[in-house]
Amino acid sequence: MTSFVRTIQQSEPESWVEDILSRRDDAVPMPMRPGKAQPGDYVYILYRGEIVARAEVADIEPVDTIIALHEGCDMRAKALVHYRGGWQRAPEPAPKAKGFQGIRYVDRLGLAHLDAEDWG
């Protein structure tokens, strides 16, 4: 698997993150395309230094567009990561992953074991 972490800036409102995590069968805009990722991998959400949730990747759609994230915040998306089902919340505080922004593969962060864990 080549699951990856998508960082949400700590300045983003918690209510916006909770809105994302309440959705099912939706897509997450990405600032770049996670080229190694495939359907069946996971996209993990990192927020304020903690991995808070994951969803199974259904498809990765290349795009080049401006997307309104929430009021007053837009981003240029290079990919939409479509996921199936809903978000699985981390069963306990997940390992902290600091020192990067954007997208990182979990195996390069030493977190590949997260893919095998049951998050119920």
N, C-alpha and C. Protein backbone atom coordinates (compact mmCIF):
# COMPACT_ATOMS: atom_id res chain seq x y z
N MET A 1 0.84 -1.19 0.00
CA MET A 1 0.00 0.00 0.00
C MET A 1 0.88 1.25 0.00
N THR A 2 0.36 2.29 -0.59
CA THR A 2 1.05 3.58 -0.58
C THR A 2 0.09 4.65 -0.07
N SER A 3 -0.39 4.42 1.13
CA SER A 3 -1.28 5.39 1.76
C SER A 3 -0.52 6.67 2.05
N PHE A 4 -1.25 7.75 2.23
CA PHE A 4 -0.60 9.04 2.41
C PHE A 4 -1.37 9.90 3.40
N VAL A 5 -0.68 10.92 3.88
CA VAL A 5 -1.22 11.86 4.85
C VAL A 5 -1.47 13.18 4.15
N ARG A 6 -2.63 13.74 4.37
CA ARG A 6 -2.99 15.09 3.88
C ARG A 6 -3.06 16.00 5.08
N THR A 7 -2.20 17.01 5.11
CA THR A 7 -2.16 17.96 6.21
C THR A 7 -3.18 19.06 6.01
N ILE A 8 -3.90 19.37 7.06
CA ILE A 8 -4.77 20.55 7.08
C ILE A 8 -4.10 21.55 8.02
N GLN A 9 -3.90 22.74 7.54
CA GLN A 9 -3.20 23.75 8.33
C GLN A 9 -3.88 23.96 9.67
N GLN A 10 -3.07 24.15 10.70
CA GLN A 10 -3.62 24.31 12.04
C GLN A 10 -4.46 25.57 12.19
N SER A 11 -4.29 26.53 11.29
CA SER A 11 -5.08 27.76 11.35
C SER A 11 -6.51 27.56 10.83
N GLU A 12 -6.75 26.43 10.15
CA GLU A 12 -8.10 26.17 9.65
C GLU A 12 -9.04 25.89 10.82
N PRO A 13 -10.28 26.34 10.73
CA PRO A 13 -11.22 26.14 11.85
C PRO A 13 -11.57 24.67 12.07
N GLU A 14 -11.66 24.29 13.33
CA GLU A 14 -12.01 22.91 13.68
C GLU A 14 -13.37 22.53 13.11
N SER A 15 -14.29 23.49 13.04
CA SER A 15 -15.62 23.20 12.50
C SER A 15 -15.54 22.76 11.04
N TRP A 16 -14.62 23.32 10.28
CA TRP A 16 -14.44 22.92 8.88
C TRP A 16 -13.92 21.49 8.81
N VAL A 17 -12.96 21.15 9.65
CA VAL A 17 -12.42 19.79 9.67
C VAL A 17 -13.52 18.80 10.05
N GLU A 18 -14.33 19.14 11.05
CA GLU A 18 -15.44 18.26 11.46
C GLU A 18 -16.44 18.10 10.32
N ASP A 19 -16.67 19.14 9.54
CA ASP A 19 -17.57 19.04 8.39
C ASP A 19 -17.02 18.04 7.38
N ILE A 20 -15.73 18.10 7.09
CA ILE A 20 -15.11 17.14 6.17
C ILE A 20 -15.31 15.72 6.69
N LEU A 21 -15.04 15.52 7.98
CA LEU A 21 -15.08 14.18 8.55
C LEU A 21 -16.50 13.63 8.69
N SER A 22 -17.50 14.47 8.53
CA SER A 22 -18.89 14.00 8.61
C SER A 22 -19.41 13.51 7.25
N ARG A 23 -18.66 13.73 6.19
CA ARG A 23 -19.11 13.37 4.84
C ARG A 23 -18.81 11.91 4.50
N ARG A 24 -19.61 11.38 3.59
CA ARG A 24 -19.41 10.02 3.08
C ARG A 24 -19.34 10.08 1.55
N ASP A 25 -18.54 9.21 0.98
CA ASP A 25 -18.44 9.09 -0.48
C ASP A 25 -18.28 10.47 -1.13
N ASP A 26 -17.22 11.14 -0.76
CA ASP A 26 -16.96 12.50 -1.24
C ASP A 26 -15.52 12.55 -1.76
N ALA A 27 -14.96 13.74 -1.85
CA ALA A 27 -13.59 13.91 -2.32
C ALA A 27 -12.88 14.96 -1.49
N VAL A 28 -11.57 14.80 -1.38
CA VAL A 28 -10.72 15.75 -0.68
C VAL A 28 -9.82 16.41 -1.72
N PRO A 29 -9.82 17.74 -1.79
CA PRO A 29 -8.92 18.41 -2.74
C PRO A 29 -7.48 18.33 -2.24
N MET A 30 -6.56 18.15 -3.18
CA MET A 30 -5.15 18.01 -2.85
C MET A 30 -4.33 19.06 -3.60
N PRO A 31 -3.33 19.64 -2.95
CA PRO A 31 -2.49 20.63 -3.63
C PRO A 31 -1.57 20.02 -4.68
N MET A 32 -1.37 18.69 -4.62
CA MET A 32 -0.60 17.98 -5.63
C MET A 32 -1.18 16.57 -5.75
N ARG A 33 -0.84 15.89 -6.83
CA ARG A 33 -1.36 14.54 -7.02
C ARG A 33 -0.46 13.55 -6.29
N PRO A 34 -1.04 12.72 -5.43
CA PRO A 34 -0.24 11.67 -4.78
C PRO A 34 0.02 10.54 -5.79
N GLY A 35 1.08 10.66 -6.56
CA GLY A 35 1.34 9.80 -7.71
C GLY A 35 1.47 8.33 -7.42
N LYS A 36 1.92 7.95 -6.22
CA LYS A 36 2.10 6.54 -5.90
C LYS A 36 0.82 5.89 -5.38
N ALA A 37 -0.12 6.67 -4.93
CA ALA A 37 -1.33 6.14 -4.30
C ALA A 37 -2.25 5.50 -5.33
N GLN A 38 -2.98 4.48 -4.87
CA GLN A 38 -3.90 3.73 -5.72
C GLN A 38 -5.22 3.54 -4.98
N PRO A 39 -6.30 3.23 -5.70
CA PRO A 39 -7.53 2.86 -5.03
C PRO A 39 -7.27 1.70 -4.06
N GLY A 40 -7.89 1.80 -2.89
CA GLY A 40 -7.67 0.81 -1.84
C GLY A 40 -6.70 1.27 -0.78
N ASP A 41 -5.85 2.25 -1.11
CA ASP A 41 -4.97 2.85 -0.11
C ASP A 41 -5.82 3.74 0.79
N TYR A 42 -5.20 4.31 1.80
CA TYR A 42 -5.90 5.24 2.68
C TYR A 42 -5.35 6.66 2.50
N VAL A 43 -6.24 7.63 2.69
CA VAL A 43 -5.84 9.01 2.87
C VAL A 43 -6.08 9.32 4.34
N TYR A 44 -5.03 9.78 5.01
CA TYR A 44 -5.10 10.14 6.43
C TYR A 44 -5.15 11.66 6.53
N ILE A 45 -5.90 12.15 7.52
CA ILE A 45 -5.97 13.59 7.77
C ILE A 45 -5.12 13.91 8.99
N LEU A 46 -4.17 14.81 8.80
CA LEU A 46 -3.33 15.32 9.88
C LEU A 46 -3.81 16.73 10.20
N TYR A 47 -4.16 16.96 11.45
CA TYR A 47 -4.66 18.28 11.86
C TYR A 47 -4.08 18.61 13.22
N ARG A 48 -3.43 19.74 13.29
CA ARG A 48 -2.79 20.21 14.52
C ARG A 48 -1.85 19.16 15.10
N GLY A 49 -1.07 18.55 14.21
CA GLY A 49 -0.02 17.63 14.62
C GLY A 49 -0.46 16.22 14.93
N GLU A 50 -1.74 15.90 14.75
CA GLU A 50 -2.22 14.55 15.04
C GLU A 50 -2.98 13.98 13.86
N ILE A 51 -2.80 12.69 13.62
CA ILE A 51 -3.61 12.01 12.63
C ILE A 51 -4.96 11.76 13.27
N VAL A 52 -6.01 12.35 12.69
CA VAL A 52 -7.33 12.31 13.31
C VAL A 52 -8.30 11.33 12.65
N ALA A 53 -8.06 10.98 11.37
CA ALA A 53 -9.00 10.11 10.67
C ALA A 53 -8.36 9.58 9.39
N ARG A 54 -9.02 8.57 8.82
CA ARG A 54 -8.60 8.04 7.53
C ARG A 54 -9.83 7.59 6.75
N ALA A 55 -9.67 7.53 5.42
CA ALA A 55 -10.72 7.03 4.54
C ALA A 55 -10.06 6.24 3.42
N GLU A 56 -10.79 5.28 2.87
CA GLU A 56 -10.26 4.45 1.79
C GLU A 56 -10.39 5.18 0.46
N VAL A 57 -9.30 5.24 -0.28
CA VAL A 57 -9.28 5.90 -1.58
C VAL A 57 -10.06 5.07 -2.59
N ALA A 58 -11.01 5.72 -3.27
CA ALA A 58 -11.78 5.08 -4.33
C ALA A 58 -11.17 5.40 -5.70
N ASP A 59 -10.71 6.65 -5.86
CA ASP A 59 -10.19 7.09 -7.15
C ASP A 59 -9.44 8.40 -6.93
N ILE A 60 -8.49 8.68 -7.81
CA ILE A 60 -7.78 9.95 -7.78
C ILE A 60 -7.96 10.61 -9.13
N GLU A 61 -8.59 11.76 -9.09
CA GLU A 61 -8.93 12.49 -10.31
C GLU A 61 -8.00 13.69 -10.49
N PRO A 62 -7.20 13.71 -11.56
CA PRO A 62 -6.37 14.89 -11.80
C PRO A 62 -7.24 16.08 -12.18
N VAL A 63 -6.97 17.22 -11.58
CA VAL A 63 -7.68 18.46 -11.90
C VAL A 63 -6.67 19.61 -11.85
N ASP A 64 -7.06 20.75 -12.27
CA ASP A 64 -6.29 21.98 -12.09
C ASP A 64 -7.31 23.09 -11.98
N THR A 65 -7.75 23.33 -10.76
CA THR A 65 -8.84 24.28 -10.55
C THR A 65 -8.74 24.92 -9.17
N ILE A 66 -9.40 26.03 -9.02
CA ILE A 66 -9.52 26.69 -7.72
C ILE A 66 -10.78 26.16 -7.05
N ILE A 67 -10.63 25.74 -5.79
CA ILE A 67 -11.76 25.19 -5.04
C ILE A 67 -11.95 26.02 -3.78
N ALA A 68 -13.20 26.42 -3.52
CA ALA A 68 -13.52 27.13 -2.28
C ALA A 68 -13.62 26.10 -1.16
N LEU A 69 -12.73 26.21 -0.17
CA LEU A 69 -12.73 25.27 0.94
C LEU A 69 -13.78 25.64 1.97
N HIS A 70 -13.76 26.88 2.36
CA HIS A 70 -14.75 27.44 3.28
C HIS A 70 -14.70 28.94 3.11
N GLU A 71 -15.55 29.66 3.79
CA GLU A 71 -15.65 31.11 3.59
C GLU A 71 -14.29 31.78 3.77
N GLY A 72 -13.87 32.47 2.73
CA GLY A 72 -12.61 33.21 2.78
C GLY A 72 -11.37 32.39 2.52
N CYS A 73 -11.51 31.14 2.09
CA CYS A 73 -10.33 30.29 1.86
C CYS A 73 -10.51 29.46 0.60
N ASP A 74 -9.66 29.71 -0.38
CA ASP A 74 -9.64 28.95 -1.62
C ASP A 74 -8.29 28.25 -1.75
N MET A 75 -8.24 27.23 -2.58
CA MET A 75 -6.95 26.58 -2.87
C MET A 75 -6.93 26.13 -4.32
N ARG A 76 -5.73 26.05 -4.89
CA ARG A 76 -5.58 25.48 -6.22
C ARG A 76 -5.39 23.98 -6.03
N ALA A 77 -6.33 23.21 -6.51
CA ALA A 77 -6.28 21.76 -6.39
C ALA A 77 -5.68 21.16 -7.66
N LYS A 78 -4.77 20.22 -7.47
CA LYS A 78 -4.18 19.48 -8.58
C LYS A 78 -4.77 18.07 -8.69
N ALA A 79 -5.50 17.66 -7.64
CA ALA A 79 -6.16 16.36 -7.65
C ALA A 79 -7.32 16.36 -6.67
N LEU A 80 -8.30 15.54 -6.97
CA LEU A 80 -9.39 15.26 -6.03
C LEU A 80 -9.27 13.79 -5.68
N VAL A 81 -9.12 13.53 -4.39
CA VAL A 81 -9.05 12.14 -3.92
C VAL A 81 -10.45 11.75 -3.49
N HIS A 82 -11.09 10.92 -4.29
CA HIS A 82 -12.42 10.43 -3.98
C HIS A 82 -12.27 9.27 -3.00
N TYR A 83 -13.09 9.25 -1.98
CA TYR A 83 -13.04 8.16 -1.02
C TYR A 83 -14.39 7.50 -0.90
N ARG A 84 -14.37 6.23 -0.49
CA ARG A 84 -15.62 5.47 -0.35
C ARG A 84 -15.92 5.30 1.13
N GLY A 85 -17.21 5.33 1.40
CA GLY A 85 -17.64 5.22 2.80
C GLY A 85 -17.36 6.52 3.53
N GLY A 86 -17.25 6.41 4.82
CA GLY A 86 -16.99 7.59 5.63
C GLY A 86 -15.59 7.55 6.20
N TRP A 87 -15.30 8.54 6.99
CA TRP A 87 -14.01 8.64 7.66
C TRP A 87 -14.02 7.77 8.91
N GLN A 88 -12.93 7.10 9.13
CA GLN A 88 -12.72 6.34 10.37
C GLN A 88 -11.89 7.22 11.29
N ARG A 89 -12.42 7.47 12.47
CA ARG A 89 -11.68 8.27 13.45
C ARG A 89 -10.59 7.42 14.09
N ALA A 90 -9.48 8.04 14.41
CA ALA A 90 -8.39 7.34 15.09
C ALA A 90 -8.91 6.82 16.42
N PRO A 91 -8.70 5.52 16.73
CA PRO A 91 -9.24 4.94 17.95
C PRO A 91 -8.60 5.48 19.22
N GLU A 92 -7.42 6.00 19.10
CA GLU A 92 -6.70 6.61 20.22
C GLU A 92 -5.82 7.67 19.59
N PRO A 93 -5.25 8.51 20.42
CA PRO A 93 -4.39 9.53 19.81
C PRO A 93 -3.35 8.86 18.91
N ALA A 94 -3.40 9.20 17.65
CA ALA A 94 -2.49 8.61 16.67
C ALA A 94 -1.13 9.29 16.80
N PRO A 95 -0.11 8.64 16.29
CA PRO A 95 1.23 9.23 16.38
C PRO A 95 1.26 10.62 15.80
N LYS A 96 1.97 11.48 16.47
CA LYS A 96 2.11 12.83 15.96
C LYS A 96 3.08 12.82 14.79
N ALA A 97 2.83 13.66 13.84
CA ALA A 97 3.69 13.77 12.67
C ALA A 97 3.87 15.25 12.39
N LYS A 98 4.94 15.80 12.88
CA LYS A 98 5.18 17.23 12.70
C LYS A 98 6.34 17.44 11.74
N GLY A 99 6.47 18.66 11.30
CA GLY A 99 7.61 19.02 10.49
C GLY A 99 7.37 18.97 9.00
N PHE A 100 6.14 18.82 8.57
CA PHE A 100 5.87 18.87 7.13
C PHE A 100 4.48 19.42 6.90
N GLN A 101 4.25 19.84 5.68
CA GLN A 101 2.92 20.26 5.25
C GLN A 101 2.64 19.60 3.92
N GLY A 102 1.40 19.51 3.58
CA GLY A 102 1.02 18.94 2.29
C GLY A 102 0.80 17.46 2.37
N ILE A 103 1.45 16.68 1.50
CA ILE A 103 1.23 15.25 1.36
C ILE A 103 2.53 14.51 1.66
N ARG A 104 2.43 13.46 2.47
CA ARG A 104 3.56 12.57 2.72
C ARG A 104 3.03 11.14 2.77
N TYR A 105 3.82 10.20 2.27
CA TYR A 105 3.44 8.80 2.30
C TYR A 105 3.73 8.23 3.68
N VAL A 106 2.80 7.40 4.19
CA VAL A 106 2.93 6.91 5.57
C VAL A 106 4.17 6.03 5.75
N ASP A 107 4.58 5.29 4.72
CA ASP A 107 5.77 4.46 4.88
C ASP A 107 7.02 5.30 5.10
N ARG A 108 7.09 6.46 4.50
CA ARG A 108 8.25 7.35 4.68
C ARG A 108 8.24 8.04 6.04
N LEU A 109 7.08 8.06 6.68
CA LEU A 109 6.97 8.65 8.02
C LEU A 109 7.14 7.60 9.12
N GLY A 110 7.35 6.35 8.73
CA GLY A 110 7.46 5.28 9.72
C GLY A 110 6.11 4.90 10.31
N LEU A 111 5.04 5.16 9.58
CA LEU A 111 3.69 4.92 10.09
C LEU A 111 2.92 3.89 9.24
N ALA A 112 3.62 3.08 8.47
CA ALA A 112 2.95 2.11 7.60
C ALA A 112 2.08 1.14 8.38
N HIS A 113 2.39 0.92 9.65
CA HIS A 113 1.58 0.01 10.48
C HIS A 113 0.14 0.49 10.65
N LEU A 114 -0.11 1.78 10.43
CA LEU A 114 -1.49 2.30 10.58
C LEU A 114 -2.46 1.65 9.61
N ASP A 115 -1.98 1.29 8.41
CA ASP A 115 -2.84 0.68 7.41
C ASP A 115 -3.41 -0.65 7.89
N ALA A 116 -2.66 -1.38 8.69
CA ALA A 116 -3.10 -2.70 9.16
C ALA A 116 -3.95 -2.64 10.42
N GLU A 117 -4.00 -1.51 11.07
CA GLU A 117 -4.76 -1.38 12.31
C GLU A 117 -6.25 -1.32 12.04
N ASP A 118 -7.03 -1.88 12.96
CA ASP A 118 -8.50 -1.83 12.88
C ASP A 118 -8.97 -0.57 13.58
N TRP A 119 -9.54 0.34 12.83
CA TRP A 119 -10.02 1.60 13.40
C TRP A 119 -11.53 1.55 13.62
N GLY A 120 -12.13 0.37 13.40
CA GLY A 120 -13.55 0.17 13.66
C GLY A 120 -14.41 1.15 12.99
